[in-house]
Amino acid sequence: MIDRDLRSEFVGIRENKYGFEALTNNVQKIKSIFDREVVIEKATLEDIMLYTVRGNKSA
């Protein structure tokens, strides 16, 4: 689903059959890559902890 170069733009990723959820520290770059095909929400503390612990592993 996500190639290695794109994967490196995220702190952590959770993929599923419909797409993926991810945590990034560069929102502007992600917006420029995906344009209107992305929904960006502010991360909660729980999100940050989950993605930091799991890293770039699929859930």
PDB file of N, CA and C in Angstrom:
ATOM      1  N   MET A   1       0.806  -1.196   0.000  1.00  0.00           N
ATOM      2  CA  MET A   1       0.000   0.000   0.000  1.00  0.00           C
ATOM      3  C   MET A   1       0.852   1.265   0.000  1.00  0.00           C
ATOM      4  N   ILE A   2       1.735   1.380   0.959  1.00  0.00           N
ATOM      5  CA  ILE A   2       2.554   2.581   1.108  1.00  0.00           C
ATOM      6  C   ILE A   2       4.003   2.220   0.811  1.00  0.00           C
ATOM      7  N   ASP A   3       4.628   2.966  -0.099  1.00  0.00           N
ATOM      8  CA  ASP A   3       6.016   2.654  -0.432  1.00  0.00           C
ATOM      9  C   ASP A   3       6.968   3.159   0.659  1.00  0.00           C
ATOM     10  N   ARG A   4       8.196   2.726   0.589  1.00  0.00           N
ATOM     11  CA  ARG A   4       9.201   3.010   1.610  1.00  0.00           C
ATOM     12  C   ARG A   4       9.449   4.509   1.787  1.00  0.00           C
ATOM     13  N   ASP A   5       9.527   5.244   0.683  1.00  0.00           N
ATOM     14  CA  ASP A   5       9.765   6.689   0.765  1.00  0.00           C
ATOM     15  C   ASP A   5       8.631   7.398   1.499  1.00  0.00           C
ATOM     16  N   LEU A   6       7.404   7.057   1.167  1.00  0.00           N
ATOM     17  CA  LEU A   6       6.260   7.673   1.822  1.00  0.00           C
ATOM     18  C   LEU A   6       6.186   7.245   3.290  1.00  0.00           C
ATOM     19  N   ARG A   7       6.467   5.993   3.542  1.00  0.00           N
ATOM     20  CA  ARG A   7       6.447   5.474   4.914  1.00  0.00           C
ATOM     21  C   ARG A   7       7.396   6.268   5.824  1.00  0.00           C
ATOM     22  N   SER A   8       8.505   6.732   5.271  1.00  0.00           N
ATOM     23  CA  SER A   8       9.486   7.472   6.078  1.00  0.00           C
ATOM     24  C   SER A   8       8.978   8.850   6.513  1.00  0.00           C
ATOM     25  N   GLU A   9       7.878   9.319   5.927  1.00  0.00           N
ATOM     26  CA  GLU A   9       7.291  10.608   6.300  1.00  0.00           C
ATOM     27  C   GLU A   9       6.448  10.528   7.565  1.00  0.00           C
ATOM     28  N   PHE A  10       6.235   9.317   8.066  1.00  0.00           N
ATOM     29  CA  PHE A  10       5.360   9.129   9.225  1.00  0.00           C
ATOM     30  C   PHE A  10       6.123   8.583  10.427  1.00  0.00           C
ATOM     31  N   VAL A  11       5.642   8.964  11.612  1.00  0.00           N
ATOM     32  CA  VAL A  11       6.188   8.433  12.860  1.00  0.00           C
ATOM     33  C   VAL A  11       5.695   7.008  13.048  1.00  0.00           C
ATOM     34  N   GLY A  12       4.461   6.770  12.699  1.00  0.00           N
ATOM     35  CA  GLY A  12       3.862   5.444  12.802  1.00  0.00           C
ATOM     36  C   GLY A  12       2.687   5.330  11.865  1.00  0.00           C
ATOM     37  N   ILE A  13       2.371   4.099  11.468  1.00  0.00           N
ATOM     38  CA  ILE A  13       1.310   3.843  10.496  1.00  0.00           C
ATOM     39  C   ILE A  13       0.493   2.638  10.937  1.00  0.00           C
ATOM     40  N   ARG A  14      -0.822   2.737  10.750  1.00  0.00           N
ATOM     41  CA  ARG A  14      -1.715   1.590  10.939  1.00  0.00           C
ATOM     42  C   ARG A  14      -2.467   1.414   9.630  1.00  0.00           C
ATOM     43  N   GLU A  15      -2.216   0.309   8.946  1.00  0.00           N
ATOM     44  CA  GLU A  15      -2.844   0.048   7.653  1.00  0.00           C
ATOM     45  C   GLU A  15      -4.022  -0.907   7.813  1.00  0.00           C
ATOM     46  N   ASN A  16      -5.013  -0.743   6.935  1.00  0.00           N
ATOM     47  CA  ASN A  16      -6.121  -1.685   6.859  1.00  0.00           C
ATOM     48  C   ASN A  16      -6.536  -1.808   5.398  1.00  0.00           C
ATOM     49  N   LYS A  17      -7.565  -2.585   5.124  1.00  0.00           N
ATOM     50  CA  LYS A  17      -7.941  -2.816   3.726  1.00  0.00           C
ATOM     51  C   LYS A  17      -8.527  -1.588   3.044  1.00  0.00           C
ATOM     52  N   TYR A  18      -8.885  -0.563   3.799  1.00  0.00           N
ATOM     53  CA  TYR A  18      -9.467   0.651   3.226  1.00  0.00           C
ATOM     54  C   TYR A  18      -8.457   1.778   3.043  1.00  0.00           C
ATOM     55  N   GLY A  19      -7.291   1.658   3.631  1.00  0.00           N
ATOM     56  CA  GLY A  19      -6.288   2.717   3.562  1.00  0.00           C
ATOM     57  C   GLY A  19      -5.362   2.638   4.760  1.00  0.00           C
ATOM     58  N   PHE A  20      -5.110   3.798   5.365  1.00  0.00           N
ATOM     59  CA  PHE A  20      -4.240   3.793   6.530  1.00  0.00           C
ATOM     60  C   PHE A  20      -4.472   5.020   7.401  1.00  0.00           C
ATOM     61  N   GLU A  21      -4.046   4.909   8.667  1.00  0.00           N
ATOM     62  CA  GLU A  21      -3.983   6.022   9.609  1.00  0.00           C
ATOM     63  C   GLU A  21      -2.527   6.166   9.963  1.00  0.00           C
ATOM     64  N   ALA A  22      -2.088   7.390  10.169  1.00  0.00           N
ATOM     65  CA  ALA A  22      -0.674   7.580  10.487  1.00  0.00           C
ATOM     66  C   ALA A  22      -0.472   8.840  11.319  1.00  0.00           C
ATOM     67  N   LEU A  23       0.661   8.898  11.959  1.00  0.00           N
ATOM     68  CA  LEU A  23       1.064  10.066  12.734  1.00  0.00           C
ATOM     69  C   LEU A  23       2.266  10.682  12.046  1.00  0.00           C
ATOM     70  N   THR A  24       2.197  11.998  11.824  1.00  0.00           N
ATOM     71  CA  THR A  24       3.301  12.698  11.168  1.00  0.00           C
ATOM     72  C   THR A  24       3.699  13.913  11.985  1.00  0.00           C
ATOM     73  N   ASN A  25       4.917  14.353  11.791  1.00  0.00           N
ATOM     74  CA  ASN A  25       5.356  15.598  12.405  1.00  0.00           C
ATOM     75  C   ASN A  25       5.544  16.675  11.335  1.00  0.00           C
ATOM     76  N   ASN A  26       5.045  16.404  10.110  1.00  0.00           N
ATOM     77  CA  ASN A  26       5.164  17.358   9.018  1.00  0.00           C
ATOM     78  C   ASN A  26       3.846  17.413   8.235  1.00  0.00           C
ATOM     79  N   VAL A  27       2.855  18.058   8.816  1.00  0.00           N
ATOM     80  CA  VAL A  27       1.519  18.116   8.240  1.00  0.00           C
ATOM     81  C   VAL A  27       1.526  18.768   6.860  1.00  0.00           C
ATOM     82  N   GLN A  28       2.258  19.840   6.697  1.00  0.00           N
ATOM     83  CA  GLN A  28       2.271  20.546   5.414  1.00  0.00           C
ATOM     84  C   GLN A  28       2.776  19.648   4.274  1.00  0.00           C
ATOM     85  N   LYS A  29       3.795  18.862   4.540  1.00  0.00           N
ATOM     86  CA  LYS A  29       4.323  17.966   3.503  1.00  0.00           C
ATOM     87  C   LYS A  29       3.296  16.900   3.135  1.00  0.00           C
ATOM     88  N   ILE A  30       2.623  16.360   4.131  1.00  0.00           N
ATOM     89  CA  ILE A  30       1.602  15.342   3.870  1.00  0.00           C
ATOM     90  C   ILE A  30       0.450  15.943   3.071  1.00  0.00           C
ATOM     91  N   LYS A  31       0.049  17.166   3.410  1.00  0.00           N
ATOM     92  CA  LYS A  31      -0.998  17.850   2.631  1.00  0.00           C
ATOM     93  C   LYS A  31      -0.557  18.058   1.185  1.00  0.00           C
ATOM     94  N   SER A  32       0.701  18.389   0.979  1.00  0.00           N
ATOM     95  CA  SER A  32       1.173  18.609  -0.392  1.00  0.00           C
ATOM     96  C   SER A  32       1.255  17.303  -1.175  1.00  0.00           C
ATOM     97  N   ILE A  33       1.540  16.207  -0.511  1.00  0.00           N
ATOM     98  CA  ILE A  33       1.620  14.904  -1.187  1.00  0.00           C
ATOM     99  C   ILE A  33       0.226  14.390  -1.561  1.00  0.00           C
ATOM    100  N   PHE A  34      -0.709  14.461  -0.615  1.00  0.00           N
ATOM    101  CA  PHE A  34      -2.032  13.859  -0.803  1.00  0.00           C
ATOM    102  C   PHE A  34      -3.111  14.835  -1.265  1.00  0.00           C
ATOM    103  N   ASP A  35      -2.861  16.119  -1.175  1.00  0.00           N
ATOM    104  CA  ASP A  35      -3.808  17.157  -1.575  1.00  0.00           C
ATOM    105  C   ASP A  35      -5.147  16.951  -0.860  1.00  0.00           C
ATOM    106  N   ARG A  36      -6.214  16.776  -1.595  1.00  0.00           N
ATOM    107  CA  ARG A  36      -7.550  16.636  -0.994  1.00  0.00           C
ATOM    108  C   ARG A  36      -7.899  15.186  -0.650  1.00  0.00           C
ATOM    109  N   GLU A  37      -6.992  14.280  -0.839  1.00  0.00           N
ATOM    110  CA  GLU A  37      -7.233  12.861  -0.576  1.00  0.00           C
ATOM    111  C   GLU A  37      -6.883  12.463   0.851  1.00  0.00           C
ATOM    112  N   VAL A  38      -6.654  13.447   1.722  1.00  0.00           N
ATOM    113  CA  VAL A  38      -6.247  13.146   3.082  1.00  0.00           C
ATOM    114  C   VAL A  38      -7.126  13.903   4.073  1.00  0.00           C
ATOM    115  N   VAL A  39      -7.404  13.247   5.199  1.00  0.00           N
ATOM    116  CA  VAL A  39      -8.099  13.882   6.310  1.00  0.00           C
ATOM    117  C   VAL A  39      -7.091  13.988   7.436  1.00  0.00           C
ATOM    118  N   ILE A  40      -6.872  15.197   7.909  1.00  0.00           N
ATOM    119  CA  ILE A  40      -5.885  15.399   8.973  1.00  0.00           C
ATOM    120  C   ILE A  40      -6.604  15.849  10.231  1.00  0.00           C
ATOM    121  N   GLU A  41      -6.330  15.140  11.322  1.00  0.00           N
ATOM    122  CA  GLU A  41      -6.903  15.464  12.625  1.00  0.00           C
ATOM    123  C   GLU A  41      -5.776  15.668  13.613  1.00  0.00           C
ATOM    124  N   LYS A  42      -6.019  16.495  14.609  1.00  0.00           N
ATOM    125  CA  LYS A  42      -5.035  16.729  15.653  1.00  0.00           C
ATOM    126  C   LYS A  42      -4.881  15.450  16.486  1.00  0.00           C
ATOM    127  N   ALA A  43      -3.650  15.051  16.725  1.00  0.00           N
ATOM    128  CA  ALA A  43      -3.376  13.828  17.488  1.00  0.00           C
ATOM    129  C   ALA A  43      -3.644  14.044  18.973  1.00  0.00           C
ATOM    130  N   THR A  44      -4.173  13.003  19.602  1.00  0.00           N
ATOM    131  CA  THR A  44      -4.340  13.022  21.052  1.00  0.00           C
ATOM    132  C   THR A  44      -3.053  12.501  21.692  1.00  0.00           C
ATOM    133  N   LEU A  45      -2.931  12.685  22.972  1.00  0.00           N
ATOM    134  CA  LEU A  45      -1.778  12.138  23.687  1.00  0.00           C
ATOM    135  C   LEU A  45      -1.731  10.622  23.531  1.00  0.00           C
ATOM    136  N   GLU A  46      -2.889   9.982  23.563  1.00  0.00           N
ATOM    137  CA  GLU A  46      -2.959   8.528  23.376  1.00  0.00           C
ATOM    138  C   GLU A  46      -2.449   8.128  21.992  1.00  0.00           C
ATOM    139  N   ASP A  47      -2.842   8.863  20.954  1.00  0.00           N
ATOM    140  CA  ASP A  47      -2.355   8.595  19.597  1.00  0.00           C
ATOM    141  C   ASP A  47      -0.835   8.677  19.548  1.00  0.00           C
ATOM    142  N   ILE A  48      -0.294   9.734  20.112  1.00  0.00           N
ATOM    143  CA  ILE A  48       1.152   9.939  20.081  1.00  0.00           C
ATOM    144  C   ILE A  48       1.868   8.803  20.790  1.00  0.00           C
ATOM    145  N   MET A  49       1.369   8.402  21.943  1.00  0.00           N
ATOM    146  CA  MET A  49       1.996   7.301  22.680  1.00  0.00           C
ATOM    147  C   MET A  49       1.908   5.996  21.889  1.00  0.00           C
ATOM    148  N   LEU A  50       0.747   5.706  21.319  1.00  0.00           N
ATOM    149  CA  LEU A  50       0.544   4.469  20.564  1.00  0.00           C
ATOM    150  C   LEU A  50       1.477   4.386  19.365  1.00  0.00           C
ATOM    151  N   TYR A  51       1.515   5.436  18.560  1.00  0.00           N
ATOM    152  CA  TYR A  51       2.347   5.414  17.358  1.00  0.00           C
ATOM    153  C   TYR A  51       3.835   5.453  17.681  1.00  0.00           C
ATOM    154  N   THR A  52       4.217   6.120  18.754  1.00  0.00           N
ATOM    155  CA  THR A  52       5.615   6.181  19.132  1.00  0.00           C
ATOM    156  C   THR A  52       6.112   4.812  19.582  1.00  0.00           C
ATOM    157  N   VAL A  53       5.301   4.098  20.342  1.00  0.00           N
ATOM    158  CA  VAL A  53       5.674   2.762  20.838  1.00  0.00           C
ATOM    159  C   VAL A  53       5.703   1.750  19.694  1.00  0.00           C
ATOM    160  N   ARG A  54       4.692   1.782  18.821  1.00  0.00           N
ATOM    161  CA  ARG A  54       4.604   0.809  17.729  1.00  0.00           C
ATOM    162  C   ARG A  54       5.512   1.130  16.557  1.00  0.00           C
ATOM    163  N   GLY A  55       5.772   2.401  16.315  1.00  0.00           N
ATOM    164  CA  GLY A  55       6.588   2.788  15.163  1.00  0.00           C
ATOM    165  C   GLY A  55       5.863   2.523  13.865  1.00  0.00           C
ATOM    166  N   ASN A  56       6.563   2.121  12.816  1.00  0.00           N
ATOM    167  CA  ASN A  56       5.976   1.907  11.491  1.00  0.00           C
ATOM    168  C   ASN A  56       5.529   0.474  11.286  1.00  0.00           C
ATOM    169  N   LYS A  57       4.844  -0.083  12.248  1.00  0.00           N
ATOM    170  CA  LYS A  57       4.326  -1.440  12.118  1.00  0.00           C
ATOM    171  C   LYS A  57       2.835  -1.375  11.850  1.00  0.00           C
ATOM    172  N   SER A  58       2.322  -2.279  11.067  1.00  0.00           N
ATOM    173  CA  SER A  58       0.891  -2.356  10.823  1.00  0.00           C
ATOM    174  C   SER A  58       0.210  -2.917  12.042  1.00  0.00           C
ATOM    175  N   ALA A  59      -1.005  -2.459  12.295  1.00  0.00           N
ATOM    176  CA  ALA A  59      -1.772  -2.939  13.440  1.00  0.00           C
ATOM    177  C   ALA A  59      -2.435  -4.260  13.128  1.00  0.00           C
TER     178      ALA A  59
END
